């Protein structure tokens, strides 16, 4: 799974070119200093063409728990 900031179009193109598929966006998921940023979520599809389903996927709001830093896993 990849997480890329939406403004980073070069990285988005590379991810798509090597076979990753855009799955959605996590709002406020990445924390840099005191700022929270959105990230696009990419996954490699399985051989049947579908990406793996994971609990707490790209549209999950549980990833925005107050005080939780998803980048480090720390509170």
C-alpha atoms as a PDB file:
ATOM      1  CA  UNK A   1       0.000   0.000   0.000  1.00  0.00           C
ATOM      2  CA  UNK A   2       1.234   3.496  -0.864  1.00  0.00           C
ATOM      3  CA  UNK A   3       0.281   6.863   0.587  1.00  0.00           C
ATOM      4  CA  UNK A   4       0.998   9.898  -1.623  1.00  0.00           C
ATOM      5  CA  UNK A   5       0.077  13.538  -1.054  1.00  0.00           C
ATOM      6  CA  UNK A   6      -2.386  14.676  -3.770  1.00  0.00           C
ATOM      7  CA  UNK A   7      -0.144  17.533  -4.982  1.00  0.00           C
ATOM      8  CA  UNK A   8       2.663  15.069  -5.810  1.00  0.00           C
ATOM      9  CA  UNK A   9       1.582  14.319  -9.378  1.00  0.00           C
ATOM     10  CA  UNK A  10       4.956  12.848 -10.381  1.00  0.00           C
ATOM     11  CA  UNK A  11       4.715  10.183  -7.644  1.00  0.00           C
ATOM     12  CA  UNK A  12       1.088   9.485  -8.562  1.00  0.00           C
ATOM     13  CA  UNK A  13       2.118   8.891 -12.197  1.00  0.00           C
ATOM     14  CA  UNK A  14       4.962   6.558 -11.165  1.00  0.00           C
ATOM     15  CA  UNK A  15       2.689   4.553  -8.838  1.00  0.00           C
ATOM     16  CA  UNK A  16       0.062   4.128 -11.567  1.00  0.00           C
ATOM     17  CA  UNK A  17       2.698   3.314 -14.182  1.00  0.00           C
ATOM     18  CA  UNK A  18       4.096   0.414 -12.132  1.00  0.00           C
ATOM     19  CA  UNK A  19       0.653  -1.056 -11.474  1.00  0.00           C
ATOM     20  CA  UNK A  20      -0.716   0.529  -8.296  1.00  0.00           C
ATOM     21  CA  UNK A  21      -4.402   1.430  -8.352  1.00  0.00           C
ATOM     22  CA  UNK A  22      -5.878   4.457  -6.589  1.00  0.00           C
ATOM     23  CA  UNK A  23      -8.162   3.297  -3.773  1.00  0.00           C
ATOM     24  CA  UNK A  24      -9.228   6.583  -2.198  1.00  0.00           C
ATOM     25  CA  UNK A  25      -8.112   9.397   0.049  1.00  0.00           C
ATOM     26  CA  UNK A  26      -7.466   9.636   3.783  1.00  0.00           C
ATOM     27  CA  UNK A  27      -8.207  13.137   4.969  1.00  0.00           C
ATOM     28  CA  UNK A  28      -5.820  14.538   7.560  1.00  0.00           C
ATOM     29  CA  UNK A  29      -3.995  11.210   7.783  1.00  0.00           C
ATOM     30  CA  UNK A  30      -0.398  12.405   7.501  1.00  0.00           C
ATOM     31  CA  UNK A  31       0.993  14.567  10.277  1.00  0.00           C
ATOM     32  CA  UNK A  32       3.988  16.775   9.576  1.00  0.00           C
ATOM     33  CA  UNK A  33       4.857  18.933  12.570  1.00  0.00           C
ATOM     34  CA  UNK A  34       1.613  20.541  13.707  1.00  0.00           C
ATOM     35  CA  UNK A  35      -0.032  20.209  10.298  1.00  0.00           C
ATOM     36  CA  UNK A  36      -2.293  17.351   9.121  1.00  0.00           C
ATOM     37  CA  UNK A  37      -2.352  16.523   5.407  1.00  0.00           C
ATOM     38  CA  UNK A  38      -4.510  14.444   3.097  1.00  0.00           C
ATOM     39  CA  UNK A  39      -2.994  11.449   1.286  1.00  0.00           C
ATOM     40  CA  UNK A  40      -4.090   9.367  -1.664  1.00  0.00           C
ATOM     41  CA  UNK A  41      -4.091   5.623  -1.016  1.00  0.00           C
ATOM     42  CA  UNK A  42      -2.818   3.207  -3.662  1.00  0.00           C
ATOM     43  CA  UNK A  43      -2.783  -0.603  -3.627  1.00  0.00           C
ATOM     44  CA  UNK A  44      -1.514  -3.298  -5.959  1.00  0.00           C
ATOM     45  CA  UNK A  45      -4.414  -5.306  -7.395  1.00  0.00           C
ATOM     46  CA  UNK A  46      -4.584  -9.058  -6.877  1.00  0.00           C
ATOM     47  CA  UNK A  47      -4.295 -11.295  -9.903  1.00  0.00           C
ATOM     48  CA  UNK A  48      -8.101 -11.192 -10.298  1.00  0.00           C
ATOM     49  CA  UNK A  49      -7.877  -7.398 -10.773  1.00  0.00           C
ATOM     50  CA  UNK A  50      -9.315  -6.363  -7.398  1.00  0.00           C
ATOM     51  CA  UNK A  51      -7.349  -4.717  -4.619  1.00  0.00           C
ATOM     52  CA  UNK A  52      -7.283  -6.362  -1.214  1.00  0.00           C
ATOM     53  CA  UNK A  53     -10.023  -5.334   1.202  1.00  0.00           C
ATOM     54  CA  UNK A  54      -8.647  -4.256   4.571  1.00  0.00           C
ATOM     55  CA  UNK A  55     -10.412  -3.179   7.737  1.00  0.00           C
ATOM     56  CA  UNK A  56     -10.077   0.564   8.251  1.00  0.00           C
ATOM     57  CA  UNK A  57      -9.583   1.102   4.524  1.00  0.00           C
ATOM     58  CA  UNK A  58      -9.111   4.327   2.618  1.00  0.00           C
ATOM     59  CA  UNK A  59     -12.502   5.786   3.502  1.00  0.00           C
ATOM     60  CA  UNK A  60     -12.355   4.886   7.185  1.00  0.00           C
ATOM     61  CA  UNK A  61     -12.798   7.744   9.627  1.00  0.00           C
ATOM     62  CA  UNK A  62     -11.195   5.709  12.423  1.00  0.00           C
ATOM     63  CA  UNK A  63      -7.797   6.668  11.010  1.00  0.00           C
ATOM     64  CA  UNK A  64      -8.375  10.230  12.254  1.00  0.00           C
ATOM     65  CA  UNK A  65      -8.576   9.452  15.960  1.00  0.00           C
ATOM     66  CA  UNK A  66      -7.644  12.574  17.946  1.00  0.00           C
ATOM     67  CA  UNK A  67      -4.072  12.496  19.160  1.00  0.00           C
ATOM     68  CA  UNK A  68      -3.123   9.502  17.013  1.00  0.00           C
ATOM     69  CA  UNK A  69      -0.269   9.973  14.562  1.00  0.00           C
ATOM     70  CA  UNK A  70      -0.752   7.413  11.772  1.00  0.00           C
ATOM     71  CA  UNK A  71       2.713   8.104  10.367  1.00  0.00           C
ATOM     72  CA  UNK A  72       4.424   6.900  13.541  1.00  0.00           C
ATOM     73  CA  UNK A  73       1.646   4.904  15.248  1.00  0.00           C
ATOM     74  CA  UNK A  74       2.118   7.058  18.332  1.00  0.00           C
ATOM     75  CA  UNK A  75      -0.475   8.903  20.443  1.00  0.00           C
END
